[in-house]
Amino acid sequence: MWKKANITPIWKGKGSKTDPNNYRPISILPIVARTFERLIAGQLYLHCDRNGVIPDQQFGFRKRSSCEVALLKATDSWITQVDAGLYVGALLIDLSKAFDSVPHNQLIDELSAVGCDDIALQWFTSYLEDRVQRVTQGNITTPWMPVTQGVPQGSGLSPILFNIYVRNLPLVCASLVIQFADDTTASEADKDINMVMQRLVTSYGCIKKFCNDKGLSLNASKTQLIIFKTPAKRVPENLELLLDGCAIKPQAVVKLLDFNLDHHFTWSDQIDKVVKKCSGLIGALVRASPYLSRELLRMAYVALVRSHLDYCSALLLSASATHLGKLDVVQRKAARAILHAPKDAHSAPLLEMLSLETLSERRYKHSLSLIQNILLGNCHPALSDFFAVQPDDSMVAPSKSKLQLGNKRFRITGVNVYNKFQNL
């Protein structure tokens, strides 16, 4: 996608200044445009933060937020409800090409509604208008066509513009809504599974109407449903939702923000997925080990493998030792591969030689850092009430769990981590 503009090119030499063949034209337009976008985006983010424009339900493209933070908030709410003896139904709604579907005229109206003055609106109007695009395949090129919808791809302004555009989505239904940019999850809880399903259908209808009014569309065929529950509770085999003519059946595992959520909160499917992916990457390390130095192999492990092992590590605090042990096996295999050690070599000295902390140490340190930021108010507002320190610098759980499952909440696992480090 390009924006037409008249600009005089400058010339930059690649070789001898006396040889005109060593000169090439360079447009300063991309440099100026990117600089302006960053400046405007910074001002718009600041305006939204100061005036509470973006709702707490939105976790995407925000400071002090991440996929992990969104999942911690969502699972904390769901586990609390399951611990209270309820069925929890979560509907993972798919928006089709949401970033490419935002009508420019409605976006300008939304910017006006959040407090942008006339001068700012004129700038945004100029920024969005006169954009064109075309498609090239081989020797075939289509004519330039005007672009009247969609936030510009690759722009630093696009995320905040989209968040402003869909900021009122959580208000249109009574369900608990978690957003991460265009990923939208609505959940309901009740002792009666049929009531859960009815409310989810109602919420889906409300969200669909909102999206239709905004020029966005839902893809019911890609929408997922999961019923969180205790193992003792049963779900009817014929249970399903009918959404836009598509029968949506509940799944035992769904993927949300690249994290596999299972209906009993064991995280076993997520860990198995990570182990499988990392095993293939370690195989690549082994094949590369004859050609790379120890330092480069360690660097490759940290960047390509350990990043997967650490993903959402605060959420994994509640996983069983058996499941977490599978992740430790991956790191031990990597250490042996980097140091060309035998498969039965003891891993502790190898990890020390490579200055690699154990995954549990990294998990605890990361969680402690997250907790400290929450206590300092340097966090997403949805987590601000998770923890409170007592006069003796200790923490207590906010509420007592009825079931062992309730102890999987980050409000509980986080308290245990904090108190453990306070006593060291």
Protein backbone atom coordinates (compact mmCIF):
# COMPACT_ATOMS: atom_id res chain seq x y z
CA MET A 1 0.00 0.00 0.00
CA TRP A 2 1.41 3.36 -1.00
CA LYS A 3 0.47 6.99 -0.64
CA LYS A 4 0.94 9.29 -3.60
CA ALA A 5 3.07 12.34 -2.96
CA ASN A 6 5.16 14.81 -4.94
CA ILE A 7 8.69 14.99 -3.62
CA THR A 8 12.03 15.94 -5.15
CA PRO A 9 14.50 13.05 -4.86
CA ILE A 10 17.95 13.57 -3.42
CA TRP A 11 21.04 11.83 -4.70
CA LYS A 12 23.54 9.76 -2.76
CA GLY A 13 26.86 8.58 -4.14
CA LYS A 14 27.89 4.94 -3.95
CA GLY A 15 31.40 5.35 -5.35
CA SER A 16 33.50 8.05 -6.94
CA LYS A 17 31.91 11.50 -6.73
CA THR A 18 33.15 12.28 -10.22
CA ASP A 19 31.42 9.31 -11.85
CA PRO A 20 27.69 9.99 -12.41
CA ASN A 21 27.07 6.25 -12.85
CA ASN A 22 27.80 5.76 -9.15
CA TYR A 23 24.86 7.91 -8.09
CA ARG A 24 21.35 6.62 -7.31
CA PRO A 25 18.10 8.40 -6.40
CA ILE A 26 16.87 8.11 -2.83
CA SER A 27 13.51 9.43 -1.67
CA ILE A 28 13.39 10.92 1.80
CA LEU A 29 9.64 10.26 1.95
CA PRO A 30 9.87 6.91 3.81
CA ILE A 31 12.22 8.39 6.43
CA VAL A 32 10.04 11.45 7.04
CA ALA A 33 6.86 9.36 7.06
CA ARG A 34 8.18 6.86 9.62
CA THR A 35 9.44 9.66 11.86
CA PHE A 36 6.10 11.45 11.74
CA GLU A 37 4.21 8.22 12.42
CA ARG A 38 6.30 7.50 15.52
CA LEU A 39 5.78 11.02 16.85
CA ILE A 40 2.03 10.98 16.28
CA ALA A 41 1.71 7.43 17.64
CA GLY A 42 3.53 8.46 20.82
CA GLN A 43 1.20 11.42 21.36
CA LEU A 44 -1.89 9.30 20.64
CA TYR A 45 -0.79 6.54 23.05
CA LEU A 46 -0.19 9.16 25.75
CA HIS A 47 -3.60 10.73 25.15
CA CYS A 48 -5.31 7.34 25.39
CA ASP A 49 -3.47 6.43 28.61
CA ARG A 50 -4.26 9.72 30.31
CA ASN A 51 -7.93 9.64 29.39
CA GLY A 52 -8.62 5.92 29.75
CA VAL A 53 -9.67 5.59 26.12
CA ILE A 54 -8.64 1.94 25.73
CA PRO A 55 -10.65 -0.39 28.02
CA ASP A 56 -9.03 -2.74 30.51
CA GLN A 57 -10.30 -5.68 28.44
CA GLN A 58 -7.87 -4.78 25.65
CA PHE A 59 -4.39 -6.26 26.12
CA GLY A 60 -2.91 -5.92 22.65
CA PHE A 61 -0.41 -3.21 21.65
CA ARG A 62 -0.32 -1.61 25.10
CA LYS A 63 2.53 -0.67 27.37
CA ARG A 64 3.17 -3.10 30.22
CA SER A 65 1.02 -5.71 28.51
CA SER A 66 1.63 -8.98 26.67
CA CYS A 67 0.02 -12.25 25.65
CA GLU A 68 1.09 -13.66 29.01
CA VAL A 69 -0.64 -10.86 30.93
CA ALA A 70 -3.86 -11.41 28.97
CA LEU A 71 -3.76 -15.14 29.67
CA LEU A 72 -3.04 -14.59 33.37
CA LYS A 73 -6.09 -12.37 33.68
CA ALA A 74 -8.35 -14.68 31.68
CA THR A 75 -7.33 -17.92 33.38
CA ASP A 76 -7.47 -16.31 36.82
CA SER A 77 -11.12 -15.42 36.22
CA TRP A 78 -11.99 -18.79 34.69
CA ILE A 79 -10.29 -20.86 37.40
CA THR A 80 -12.05 -18.80 40.09
CA GLN A 81 -15.41 -19.59 38.48
CA VAL A 82 -14.65 -23.29 38.05
CA ASP A 83 -13.45 -23.40 41.67
CA ALA A 84 -16.89 -22.07 42.65
CA GLY A 85 -18.52 -25.10 41.03
CA LEU A 86 -19.53 -23.47 37.74
CA TYR A 87 -19.23 -24.46 34.11
CA VAL A 88 -17.25 -21.85 32.18
CA GLY A 89 -17.78 -21.56 28.44
CA ALA A 90 -15.28 -19.52 26.43
CA LEU A 91 -15.93 -18.53 22.83
CA LEU A 92 -12.81 -17.64 20.84
CA ILE A 93 -14.20 -15.40 18.09
CA ASP A 94 -12.39 -15.00 14.79
CA LEU A 95 -12.51 -11.63 13.02
CA SER A 96 -11.82 -11.84 9.30
CA LYS A 97 -9.06 -9.47 8.11
CA ALA A 98 -9.97 -6.99 10.82
CA PHE A 99 -7.03 -4.62 10.29
CA ASP A 100 -7.76 -4.43 6.56
CA SER A 101 -11.49 -3.78 7.01
CA VAL A 102 -11.58 -0.56 9.05
CA PRO A 103 -13.47 2.10 7.04
CA HIS A 104 -11.50 5.35 7.01
CA ASN A 105 -14.54 7.61 7.45
CA GLN A 106 -15.71 5.73 10.56
CA LEU A 107 -12.18 5.72 11.96
CA ILE A 108 -12.04 9.50 11.68
CA ASP A 109 -15.37 9.69 13.54
CA GLU A 110 -13.93 7.52 16.33
CA LEU A 111 -10.84 9.71 16.60
CA SER A 112 -13.12 12.71 16.98
CA ALA A 113 -15.09 10.88 19.67
CA VAL A 114 -11.97 10.22 21.76
CA GLY A 115 -11.01 13.90 21.80
CA CYS A 116 -8.85 14.63 18.75
CA ASP A 117 -9.28 18.28 17.75
CA ASP A 118 -9.93 19.61 14.24
CA ILE A 119 -6.26 20.06 13.37
CA ALA A 120 -5.45 16.49 14.43
CA LEU A 121 -8.43 15.17 12.47
CA GLN A 122 -7.24 17.03 9.37
CA TRP A 123 -3.83 15.39 9.75
CA PHE A 124 -5.33 11.88 10.15
CA THR A 125 -7.65 12.47 7.19
CA SER A 126 -4.67 13.49 5.04
CA TYR A 127 -2.71 10.50 6.37
CA LEU A 128 -5.40 8.00 5.35
CA GLU A 129 -6.63 9.46 2.06
CA ASP A 130 -5.11 9.16 -1.42
CA ARG A 131 -3.70 5.71 -0.70
CA VAL A 132 -3.48 3.24 -3.58
CA GLN A 133 -2.48 -0.37 -4.04
CA ARG A 134 -1.91 -2.86 -6.83
CA VAL A 135 -0.99 -6.51 -7.31
CA THR A 136 1.98 -7.79 -9.28
CA GLN A 137 2.48 -11.41 -10.31
CA GLY A 138 5.28 -12.17 -12.69
CA ASN A 139 4.95 -9.80 -15.65
CA ILE A 140 1.31 -8.99 -14.88
CA THR A 141 0.53 -5.84 -12.90
CA THR A 142 -2.95 -4.60 -12.08
CA PRO A 143 -3.87 -0.89 -12.24
CA TRP A 144 -3.53 1.23 -9.12
CA MET A 145 -6.77 1.13 -7.08
CA PRO A 146 -7.83 3.52 -4.28
CA VAL A 147 -7.76 2.22 -0.70
CA THR A 148 -10.66 3.47 1.42
CA GLN A 149 -10.45 1.06 4.32
CA GLY A 150 -7.89 -0.63 6.53
CA VAL A 151 -5.19 0.79 8.76
CA PRO A 152 -1.85 1.11 6.88
CA GLN A 153 0.18 -2.09 7.03
CA GLY A 154 3.49 -1.88 8.87
CA SER A 155 2.75 1.53 10.33
CA GLY A 156 3.48 2.33 13.97
CA LEU A 157 0.11 4.06 14.10
CA SER A 158 -1.97 1.08 12.98
CA PRO A 159 -2.19 -0.76 16.35
CA ILE A 160 -3.42 2.22 18.36
CA LEU A 161 -5.82 3.26 15.58
CA PHE A 162 -7.35 -0.23 15.58
CA ASN A 163 -7.61 -0.30 19.39
CA ILE A 164 -9.45 3.02 19.32
CA TYR A 165 -11.77 1.78 16.60
CA VAL A 166 -12.90 -1.35 18.53
CA ARG A 167 -12.66 0.11 22.04
CA ASN A 168 -16.41 -0.15 22.70
CA LEU A 169 -16.73 -3.83 21.82
CA PRO A 170 -16.62 -5.09 25.46
CA LEU A 171 -19.58 -2.82 26.30
CA VAL A 172 -22.02 -4.44 23.87
CA CYS A 173 -22.43 -7.71 25.79
CA ALA A 174 -22.63 -8.86 29.40
CA SER A 175 -19.99 -11.56 29.01
CA LEU A 176 -16.44 -11.35 30.27
CA VAL A 177 -14.50 -10.16 27.21
CA ILE A 178 -10.75 -10.44 26.72
CA GLN A 179 -9.25 -8.72 23.67
CA PHE A 180 -5.78 -8.88 22.22
CA ALA A 181 -6.00 -6.57 19.21
CA ASP A 182 -8.44 -8.42 16.94
CA ASP A 183 -8.45 -11.67 18.99
CA THR A 184 -11.68 -11.59 20.99
CA THR A 185 -12.74 -14.10 23.66
CA ALA A 186 -16.13 -13.97 25.39
CA SER A 187 -16.89 -16.22 28.35
CA GLU A 188 -19.89 -17.09 30.53
CA ALA A 189 -20.22 -19.10 33.75
CA ASP A 190 -23.17 -20.84 35.37
CA LYS A 191 -24.10 -24.05 37.19
CA ASP A 192 -26.35 -24.92 34.26
CA ILE A 193 -24.39 -25.68 31.10
CA ASN A 194 -27.42 -24.82 28.95
CA MET A 195 -27.55 -21.32 30.42
CA VAL A 196 -23.87 -20.90 29.58
CA MET A 197 -24.55 -21.83 25.97
CA GLN A 198 -27.58 -19.54 25.66
CA ARG A 199 -25.65 -16.57 26.99
CA LEU A 200 -22.73 -17.22 24.66
CA VAL A 201 -25.12 -17.23 21.69
CA THR A 202 -26.54 -13.91 22.87
CA SER A 203 -23.08 -12.41 23.32
CA TYR A 204 -21.99 -13.62 19.90
CA GLY A 205 -25.03 -11.93 18.37
CA CYS A 206 -24.23 -8.65 20.15
CA ILE A 207 -20.58 -8.77 19.07
CA LYS A 208 -21.60 -9.61 15.51
CA LYS A 209 -23.96 -6.62 15.38
CA PHE A 210 -21.21 -4.34 16.69
CA CYS A 211 -18.76 -5.63 14.09
CA ASN A 212 -21.29 -5.33 11.27
CA ASP A 213 -21.95 -1.71 12.22
CA LYS A 214 -18.18 -1.12 12.16
CA GLY A 215 -17.66 -2.76 8.79
CA LEU A 216 -15.96 -5.79 10.35
CA SER A 217 -17.01 -9.40 9.86
CA LEU A 218 -16.89 -12.52 12.03
CA ASN A 219 -15.88 -15.92 10.74
CA ALA A 220 -18.09 -18.42 12.57
CA SER A 221 -16.39 -21.42 10.94
CA LYS A 222 -13.10 -20.53 12.66
CA THR A 223 -14.68 -19.69 16.02
CA GLN A 224 -13.70 -22.09 18.82
CA LEU A 225 -15.57 -23.17 21.95
CA ILE A 226 -14.18 -24.69 25.13
CA ILE A 227 -15.96 -25.64 28.36
CA PHE A 228 -13.73 -25.31 31.43
CA LYS A 229 -14.80 -27.56 34.29
CA THR A 230 -13.66 -29.91 37.02
CA PRO A 231 -12.96 -33.50 35.91
CA ALA A 232 -16.00 -34.71 37.86
CA LYS A 233 -18.43 -32.62 35.81
CA ARG A 234 -19.83 -34.01 32.57
CA VAL A 235 -20.74 -32.27 29.34
CA PRO A 236 -23.51 -33.71 27.09
CA GLU A 237 -22.07 -35.38 23.99
CA ASN A 238 -24.50 -33.56 21.69
CA LEU A 239 -23.66 -30.13 23.10
CA GLU A 240 -23.04 -27.50 20.42
CA LEU A 241 -23.61 -23.88 19.48
CA LEU A 242 -25.26 -22.85 16.22
CA LEU A 243 -23.62 -19.64 15.03
CA ASP A 244 -24.40 -18.25 11.57
CA GLY A 245 -25.38 -21.73 10.41
CA CYS A 246 -22.16 -23.32 11.74
CA ALA A 247 -22.34 -25.97 14.46
CA ILE A 248 -19.59 -25.22 16.99
CA LYS A 249 -18.77 -28.14 19.28
CA PRO A 250 -16.74 -27.72 22.47
CA GLN A 251 -13.10 -28.81 22.23
CA ALA A 252 -10.90 -30.23 24.94
CA VAL A 253 -8.02 -27.96 23.85
CA VAL A 254 -8.04 -24.60 22.08
CA LYS A 255 -5.23 -22.26 21.06
CA LEU A 256 -5.41 -18.73 22.45
CA LEU A 257 -2.53 -16.35 21.80
CA ASP A 258 -0.40 -19.34 20.74
CA PHE A 259 -0.99 -21.04 24.10
CA ASN A 260 -2.84 -24.36 24.23
CA LEU A 261 -5.58 -24.13 26.86
CA ASP A 262 -7.03 -27.43 28.03
CA HIS A 263 -10.39 -27.66 29.77
CA HIS A 264 -8.85 -28.79 33.10
CA PHE A 265 -6.05 -26.17 33.24
CA THR A 266 -3.25 -28.75 33.34
CA TRP A 267 -1.22 -27.07 30.55
CA SER A 268 -0.09 -30.54 29.44
CA ASP A 269 -0.97 -29.92 25.78
CA GLN A 270 0.94 -26.64 25.77
CA ILE A 271 4.03 -28.26 27.25
CA ASP A 272 3.85 -31.21 24.85
CA LYS A 273 3.56 -28.78 21.93
CA VAL A 274 6.62 -26.83 23.10
CA VAL A 275 8.65 -30.00 23.66
CA LYS A 276 7.86 -31.26 20.16
CA LYS A 277 8.80 -27.94 18.57
CA CYS A 278 12.01 -27.60 20.58
CA SER A 279 13.08 -31.18 19.89
CA GLY A 280 13.19 -30.37 16.19
CA LEU A 281 15.20 -27.22 16.87
CA ILE A 282 17.70 -29.14 18.99
CA GLY A 283 18.10 -31.55 16.11
CA ALA A 284 19.12 -28.57 13.99
CA LEU A 285 21.62 -27.55 16.69
CA VAL A 286 23.14 -31.03 16.65
CA ARG A 287 23.55 -30.93 12.88
CA ALA A 288 25.11 -27.46 13.07
CA SER A 289 27.40 -28.23 16.01
CA PRO A 290 30.41 -29.38 13.90
CA TYR A 291 30.44 -26.03 12.12
CA LEU A 292 29.66 -23.52 14.87
CA SER A 293 31.54 -22.45 17.98
CA ARG A 294 30.22 -23.12 21.46
CA GLU A 295 29.32 -19.45 21.86
CA LEU A 296 27.27 -19.39 18.65
CA LEU A 297 25.51 -22.64 19.55
CA ARG A 298 24.62 -21.27 22.98
CA MET A 299 23.35 -18.07 21.38
CA ALA A 300 21.22 -20.08 18.96
CA TYR A 301 19.78 -22.13 21.82
CA VAL A 302 18.85 -19.06 23.84
CA ALA A 303 17.23 -17.31 20.87
CA LEU A 304 15.54 -20.22 19.12
CA VAL A 305 14.81 -22.81 21.81
CA ARG A 306 14.73 -21.27 25.28
CA SER A 307 12.40 -18.53 24.10
CA HIS A 308 9.77 -21.25 23.54
CA LEU A 309 10.49 -22.87 26.91
CA ASP A 310 10.02 -19.52 28.67
CA TYR A 311 6.79 -18.53 26.89
CA CYS A 312 4.12 -17.60 29.46
CA SER A 313 6.31 -19.05 32.21
CA ALA A 314 4.29 -17.32 34.96
CA LEU A 315 1.24 -19.26 33.80
CA LEU A 316 3.22 -22.51 33.97
CA LEU A 317 3.85 -22.07 37.69
CA SER A 318 0.72 -24.15 38.30
CA ALA A 319 1.74 -27.03 36.04
CA SER A 320 2.68 -30.34 37.65
CA ALA A 321 6.31 -31.27 38.25
CA THR A 322 5.90 -34.16 35.82
CA HIS A 323 4.90 -31.86 32.98
CA LEU A 324 7.50 -29.21 33.80
CA GLY A 325 10.14 -31.91 33.89
CA LYS A 326 9.63 -32.41 30.15
CA LEU A 327 10.84 -28.84 29.58
CA ASP A 328 13.89 -29.46 31.75
CA VAL A 329 14.75 -32.50 29.61
CA VAL A 330 14.81 -30.25 26.54
CA GLN A 331 17.33 -27.88 28.13
CA ARG A 332 19.52 -30.77 29.27
CA LYS A 333 19.55 -32.18 25.72
CA ALA A 334 20.50 -28.78 24.38
CA ALA A 335 23.40 -28.44 26.85
CA ARG A 336 24.78 -31.85 25.80
CA ALA A 337 24.43 -30.91 22.13
CA ILE A 338 26.26 -27.60 22.57
CA LEU A 339 29.15 -29.19 24.50
CA HIS A 340 29.27 -32.41 22.43
CA ALA A 341 28.68 -34.39 25.63
CA PRO A 342 27.42 -38.00 25.76
CA LYS A 343 23.66 -38.52 26.09
CA ASP A 344 24.05 -39.89 29.61
CA ALA A 345 26.30 -37.05 30.84
CA HIS A 346 25.15 -35.34 34.04
CA SER A 347 23.54 -32.04 33.02
CA ALA A 348 24.15 -29.83 36.09
CA PRO A 349 27.87 -29.22 35.38
CA LEU A 350 27.10 -28.64 31.72
CA LEU A 351 24.49 -25.98 32.51
CA GLU A 352 26.92 -24.30 34.89
CA MET A 353 29.66 -24.39 32.26
CA LEU A 354 27.30 -22.66 29.81
CA SER A 355 26.03 -20.20 32.47
CA LEU A 356 22.45 -21.39 31.90
CA GLU A 357 20.01 -21.06 34.77
CA THR A 358 17.54 -23.83 35.35
CA LEU A 359 14.12 -23.20 33.86
CA SER A 360 12.52 -23.21 37.31
CA GLU A 361 14.88 -20.45 38.46
CA ARG A 362 14.06 -18.40 35.40
CA ARG A 363 10.35 -19.06 35.91
CA TYR A 364 10.45 -17.87 39.52
CA LYS A 365 12.56 -14.79 38.75
CA HIS A 366 10.30 -13.78 35.89
CA SER A 367 7.19 -14.22 38.04
CA LEU A 368 8.74 -12.25 40.90
CA SER A 369 9.60 -9.40 38.52
CA LEU A 370 6.02 -9.42 37.24
CA ILE A 371 4.65 -9.34 40.78
CA GLN A 372 6.92 -6.47 41.80
CA ASN A 373 5.77 -4.46 38.80
CA ILE A 374 2.16 -5.11 39.78
CA LEU A 375 2.85 -3.90 43.34
CA LEU A 376 4.50 -0.76 41.94
CA GLY A 377 1.57 -0.09 39.62
CA ASN A 378 3.77 -0.62 36.59
CA CYS A 379 1.41 -3.12 34.98
CA HIS A 380 -1.69 -3.51 32.88
CA PRO A 381 -4.64 -2.11 34.89
CA ALA A 382 -6.44 -5.49 34.77
CA LEU A 383 -3.79 -6.94 37.13
CA SER A 384 -3.59 -4.01 39.54
CA ASP A 385 -5.67 -5.76 42.24
CA PHE A 386 -3.95 -9.14 42.06
CA PHE A 387 -1.59 -8.67 45.02
CA ALA A 388 -1.24 -6.65 48.21
CA VAL A 389 1.62 -6.66 50.71
CA GLN A 390 0.96 -7.02 54.45
CA PRO A 391 2.70 -4.82 57.07
CA ASP A 392 5.26 -7.59 57.63
CA ASP A 393 6.17 -7.54 53.91
CA SER A 394 4.44 -10.85 53.27
CA MET A 395 1.43 -11.67 51.11
CA VAL A 396 -1.71 -13.64 51.74
CA ALA A 397 -3.98 -15.18 49.15
CA PRO A 398 -6.97 -12.93 48.34
CA SER A 399 -9.48 -15.75 48.91
CA LYS A 400 -9.43 -19.38 49.97
CA SER A 401 -9.92 -21.94 47.24
CA LYS A 402 -12.63 -24.55 47.59
CA LEU A 403 -10.85 -27.05 45.37
CA GLN A 404 -7.23 -27.86 44.66
CA LEU A 405 -7.85 -26.49 41.17
CA GLY A 406 -8.39 -23.02 42.64
CA ASN A 407 -4.75 -22.92 43.72
CA LYS A 408 -3.69 -22.77 40.08
CA ARG A 409 -4.65 -19.09 39.91
CA PHE A 410 -1.78 -16.65 39.52
CA ARG A 411 -3.12 -14.82 42.56
CA ILE A 412 -2.19 -17.95 44.54
CA THR A 413 0.95 -19.18 42.76
CA GLY A 414 2.27 -15.62 42.69
CA VAL A 415 1.81 -15.25 46.46
CA ASN A 416 3.75 -18.47 47.01
CA VAL A 417 6.62 -17.25 44.82
CA TYR A 418 6.75 -13.86 46.54
CA ASN A 419 6.73 -15.29 50.07
CA LYS A 420 9.37 -17.86 49.14
CA PHE A 421 11.80 -15.20 47.96
CA GLN A 422 11.02 -12.94 50.93
CA ASN A 423 12.13 -15.72 53.26
CA LEU A 424 15.45 -16.31 51.49
